Protein backbone atom coordinates (compact mmCIF):
# COMPACT_ATOMS: atom_id res chain seq x y z
CA MET A 1 -93.28 109.81 -69.58
CA SER A 2 -91.08 109.04 -65.93
CA ASP A 3 -92.66 110.56 -62.73
CA ALA A 4 -90.38 112.97 -62.55
CA ALA A 5 -91.24 114.43 -65.82
CA GLN A 6 -95.11 114.35 -64.96
CA PRO A 7 -96.51 117.37 -64.19
CA THR A 8 -97.92 117.79 -60.68
CA ALA A 9 -101.51 117.59 -59.43
CA ALA A 10 -101.24 121.37 -58.74
CA GLU A 11 -100.24 122.41 -62.08
CA VAL A 12 -103.35 120.43 -63.97
CA ARG A 13 -105.58 122.37 -61.12
CA ALA A 14 -103.86 125.38 -62.53
CA ALA A 15 -104.08 124.63 -66.18
CA ALA A 16 -108.11 123.56 -65.90
CA GLU A 17 -108.19 127.32 -64.12
CA ALA A 18 -106.80 128.74 -66.76
CA VAL A 19 -109.28 126.96 -69.06
CA LYS A 20 -112.10 128.39 -67.11
CA ALA A 21 -110.66 131.86 -67.00
CA ALA A 22 -110.18 131.52 -70.85
CA LEU A 23 -113.58 130.34 -71.35
CA ASP A 24 -115.02 133.42 -69.80
CA ARG A 25 -112.98 135.95 -71.85
CA HIS A 26 -114.20 134.11 -75.03
CA LEU A 27 -117.83 134.45 -73.87
CA GLU A 28 -117.62 138.25 -73.07
CA ALA A 29 -115.78 138.92 -76.39
CA VAL A 30 -118.67 136.91 -78.10
CA GLU A 31 -121.40 138.60 -76.24
CA ASN A 32 -119.33 142.52 -77.15
CA ARG A 33 -118.24 141.67 -80.48
CA THR A 34 -118.62 144.22 -83.12
CA GLY A 35 -119.28 141.95 -85.88
CA ASP A 36 -118.63 138.71 -87.77
CA ASP A 37 -115.07 139.38 -87.77
CA ASP A 38 -114.37 140.94 -84.53
CA PRO A 39 -110.36 140.57 -83.89
CA ALA A 40 -110.95 140.23 -80.26
CA VAL A 41 -113.35 137.32 -80.75
CA TYR A 42 -110.15 135.94 -82.91
CA ALA A 43 -107.94 136.38 -80.26
CA ALA A 44 -110.02 134.97 -77.25
CA PHE A 45 -110.78 131.43 -79.40
CA ASN A 46 -107.00 131.61 -80.05
CA GLU A 47 -106.48 131.96 -76.01
CA LEU A 48 -108.94 129.27 -75.25
CA ALA A 49 -107.65 126.78 -77.50
CA ALA A 50 -104.04 127.36 -76.18
CA ALA A 51 -105.16 127.07 -72.57
CA ALA A 52 -107.89 123.83 -73.72
CA GLU A 53 -104.83 122.31 -75.24
CA ALA A 54 -102.32 122.60 -72.28
CA TYR A 55 -104.98 121.32 -69.97
CA ASP A 56 -105.62 118.23 -72.30
CA GLU A 57 -101.79 117.42 -72.20
CA ARG A 58 -101.04 117.75 -68.27
CA LEU A 59 -104.40 115.82 -67.77
CA TYR A 60 -103.42 112.91 -69.99
CA ASP A 61 -99.75 113.52 -68.27
CA ARG A 62 -100.52 113.28 -64.81
CA TYR A 63 -103.82 110.89 -65.00
CA ASP A 64 -103.79 109.31 -68.10
CA GLU A 65 -107.23 111.06 -68.76
CA VAL A 66 -108.17 113.06 -72.00
CA THR A 67 -111.34 115.54 -72.04
CA PRO A 68 -114.37 114.86 -74.21
CA PHE A 69 -113.78 117.26 -76.65
CA GLU A 70 -110.81 117.99 -79.33
CA ILE A 71 -109.43 121.77 -79.69
CA PRO A 72 -107.96 122.77 -82.93
CA GLY A 73 -104.25 123.73 -82.39
CA VAL A 74 -103.49 127.26 -82.53
CA GLU A 75 -101.14 127.01 -85.16
CA ASP A 76 -103.87 125.85 -87.50
CA SER A 77 -106.23 128.54 -86.70
CA LEU A 78 -106.72 132.48 -88.59
CA PRO A 79 -104.76 135.04 -86.70
CA PRO A 80 -106.36 137.95 -85.76
CA TYR A 81 -107.96 139.99 -88.69
CA GLU A 82 -105.98 143.25 -88.89
CA GLY A 83 -107.64 144.32 -92.45
CA PRO A 84 -109.59 147.57 -92.53
CA ASP A 85 -113.19 147.96 -90.76
CA GLU A 86 -114.71 148.53 -94.18
CA PRO A 87 -112.94 146.91 -96.96
CA SER A 88 -113.13 149.16 -100.59
CA ALA A 89 -112.03 146.00 -102.36
CA LEU A 90 -111.48 142.10 -102.08
CA THR A 91 -109.32 139.12 -103.33
CA VAL A 92 -110.79 135.86 -103.72
CA LEU A 93 -108.36 132.96 -103.40
CA ILE A 94 -109.35 129.66 -104.45
CA ARG A 95 -107.79 126.42 -104.13
CA ARG A 96 -108.76 123.04 -105.12
CA ASP A 97 -106.92 120.08 -105.55
CA TYR A 98 -107.79 116.54 -107.97
CA ALA A 99 -106.36 113.47 -108.51
CA VAL A 100 -106.15 112.30 -111.74
CA ALA A 101 -108.21 108.81 -111.12
CA GLU A 102 -108.95 107.78 -114.47
CA PRO A 103 -106.38 109.12 -117.16
CA LEU A 104 -108.39 107.41 -120.02
CA ARG A 105 -111.87 108.64 -119.41
CA LEU A 106 -109.67 112.10 -118.96
CA LEU A 107 -108.03 111.67 -122.75
CA ALA A 108 -111.47 110.86 -124.15
CA GLN A 109 -113.33 113.55 -122.70
CA ALA A 110 -110.79 116.15 -123.63
CA GLN A 111 -110.15 114.94 -127.32
CA ARG A 112 -113.99 115.11 -127.61
CA ILE A 113 -113.93 118.47 -126.83
CA ALA A 114 -110.87 119.17 -129.16
CA ASP A 115 -112.98 117.33 -131.81
CA LEU A 116 -115.82 119.75 -131.29
CA ASP A 117 -113.64 122.97 -131.57
CA HIS A 118 -111.71 122.01 -134.86
CA GLY A 119 -114.77 120.64 -136.48
CA GLU A 120 -115.04 116.68 -137.00
CA GLU A 121 -113.92 116.70 -140.42
CA ARG A 122 -110.67 118.60 -139.20
CA THR A 123 -107.49 115.97 -140.67
CA GLY A 124 -105.41 114.89 -137.95
CA ALA A 125 -107.65 116.03 -134.69
CA ALA A 126 -106.64 112.86 -132.63
CA ALA A 127 -102.83 114.50 -132.56
CA VAL A 128 -104.52 117.69 -130.53
CA VAL A 129 -104.51 115.28 -127.50
CA GLY A 130 -103.10 112.11 -127.98
CA THR A 131 -101.70 110.24 -125.40
CA SER A 132 -100.93 113.59 -122.91
CA VAL A 133 -102.92 113.96 -119.83
CA HIS A 134 -100.45 117.47 -119.82
CA ALA A 135 -102.57 118.31 -122.84
CA ALA A 136 -105.98 116.82 -121.96
CA LEU A 137 -105.48 118.92 -118.49
CA GLY A 138 -105.10 122.00 -120.93
CA VAL A 139 -107.73 121.38 -123.15
CA LEU A 140 -110.51 120.87 -119.91
CA PHE A 141 -110.08 123.77 -118.04
CA GLY A 142 -109.56 125.96 -121.42
CA GLU A 143 -112.80 124.96 -122.04
CA TYR A 144 -114.87 124.98 -118.99
CA GLU A 145 -114.80 127.52 -115.88
CA PRO A 146 -113.28 125.65 -112.59
CA ASP A 147 -116.65 125.66 -110.72
CA GLU A 148 -118.59 123.50 -114.02
CA ILE A 149 -115.42 121.37 -113.69
CA ALA A 150 -115.86 120.80 -109.78
CA SER A 151 -119.61 120.11 -110.41
CA ARG A 152 -118.44 117.43 -113.19
CA HIS A 153 -115.32 116.30 -111.95
CA LYS A 154 -116.08 112.25 -112.12
CA GLU A 155 -117.42 113.07 -115.81
CA PHE A 156 -114.01 114.00 -116.77
CA GLY A 157 -112.02 111.01 -114.40
CA LEU A 158 -110.98 113.39 -111.73
CA GLU A 159 -111.15 112.72 -108.03
CA GLU A 160 -111.67 115.50 -105.10
CA GLY A 161 -109.26 116.55 -102.65
CA ASP A 162 -109.45 119.28 -100.35
CA SER A 163 -110.56 122.47 -101.10
CA THR A 164 -110.66 126.17 -99.75
CA LEU A 165 -111.73 129.49 -100.17
CA TRP A 166 -110.38 132.60 -99.03
CA VAL A 167 -111.88 136.15 -98.81
CA ALA A 168 -109.40 138.70 -97.94
CA ALA A 169 -109.90 142.30 -97.63
CA ALA A 170 -107.88 144.49 -99.98
CA ASP A 171 -107.22 148.64 -99.54
CA GLU A 172 -107.79 149.16 -103.30
CA LEU A 173 -108.31 147.50 -106.21
CA PRO A 174 -104.84 146.68 -107.86
CA GLU A 175 -103.77 148.22 -110.99
CA ALA A 176 -104.68 145.96 -114.52
CA GLY A 177 -102.09 143.09 -114.71
CA GLU A 178 -100.35 144.19 -111.39
CA TRP A 179 -99.86 140.87 -109.88
CA LEU A 180 -100.34 138.91 -112.77
CA SER A 181 -96.90 137.55 -112.77
CA THR A 182 -96.92 136.58 -109.04
CA PRO A 183 -100.80 136.11 -108.44
CA PHE A 184 -100.31 134.07 -104.66
CA ASP A 185 -97.50 135.59 -103.22
CA GLN A 186 -99.43 138.22 -101.10
CA ALA A 187 -102.09 135.99 -99.20
CA ASP A 188 -102.31 137.43 -96.04
CA PRO A 189 -103.71 135.31 -93.30
CA SER A 190 -104.84 138.32 -91.04
CA ARG A 191 -106.71 140.07 -93.60
CA VAL A 192 -108.82 137.11 -94.33
CA ILE A 193 -112.39 138.18 -93.99
CA CYS A 194 -114.11 134.37 -94.03
CA ARG A 195 -112.79 131.12 -95.40
CA PHE A 196 -114.75 128.11 -96.67
CA ASP A 197 -112.93 124.71 -96.45
CA VAL A 198 -114.16 121.49 -98.01
CA SER A 199 -112.01 118.03 -96.83
CA ALA A 200 -112.51 114.56 -96.19
CA VAL A 201 -111.20 114.73 -93.15
CA PHE A 202 -114.36 116.52 -91.86
CA ASP A 203 -116.38 113.97 -93.24
CA GLU A 204 -114.25 110.93 -91.12
CA ASP A 205 -114.99 113.22 -88.02
CA GLU A 206 -118.45 112.92 -88.21
CA LEU A 207 -118.20 109.10 -88.57
CA HIS A 208 -116.02 108.63 -85.87
CA GLY A 209 -118.25 110.81 -83.46
CA ASP A 210 -115.85 113.69 -83.27
CA PRO A 211 -116.77 117.34 -83.21
CA ASP A 212 -116.12 119.47 -86.31
CA ASP A 213 -113.37 121.60 -85.85
CA THR A 214 -113.36 124.12 -88.30
CA LEU A 215 -112.40 127.36 -87.39
CA PRO A 216 -114.31 130.45 -87.01
CA GLY A 217 -115.46 131.84 -90.42
CA ALA A 218 -114.83 128.30 -91.68
CA SER A 219 -117.40 125.69 -92.82
C-alpha cells in the first residue's frame, strides 16, 4: 500500500476508540441479557467484531502491526435473532459431509447388508450392489440412522468433513407433507436459536495456538 493510501495516525486512534466503545456496549448487553438468545447480545457482538476488524486493518496498514486476537468476520456470524420469544415449534437442520475414502470397503459393507436383508441363499444377491458406489450409499443410508453412520463412518469407508446442526424456531408445526418437496428452502438464519459446528479448521486453530472463533451458540 502506498503512503498516500495509508490511514492516518488519527484514523488508527479513532478506530481504537471505536473498539473500546463497542467493547463497553457488548459488556453492557451481556450484563443485561434476557436469555441465551438475546438479540441485543448478537447485535453487540457483530458491532464489536466489525469495529475490531476495522482497527486491525488500519493498524496493519499504518504500522505493519496486528492485534493478538482474531475476530470472525461479520459476514460469518448469525444475524440477530428475530424469531418468537417462546417458540411453539422448532426445526432441526443437520448437514454432515463425507468423502468416500475407501470405495471397496463401502461396497463390501453395503453388499453384506444387502445379502443379510435378502437372505444369503438368494441367487444373484451380488447384483444388488455390484460395483456401484451410488447403490452402496443407498443401501447404507437405508439401513442405518444418520447418527449411527456418523459414529461408524470409518467402518463404512467414509471420511468425515464439516458438519453443522441448526435449531431454528417455528411459529407452528407445518402440515404433514407440506415441505417434503423442498425441505431445505426455508432455512432462516434469523430464526436460529442455537447452532453447533464441527470442523477440522477448529482443530487446526488450536494446533497453531489461535483462539476458537466459533460464534455465539456454536461449538
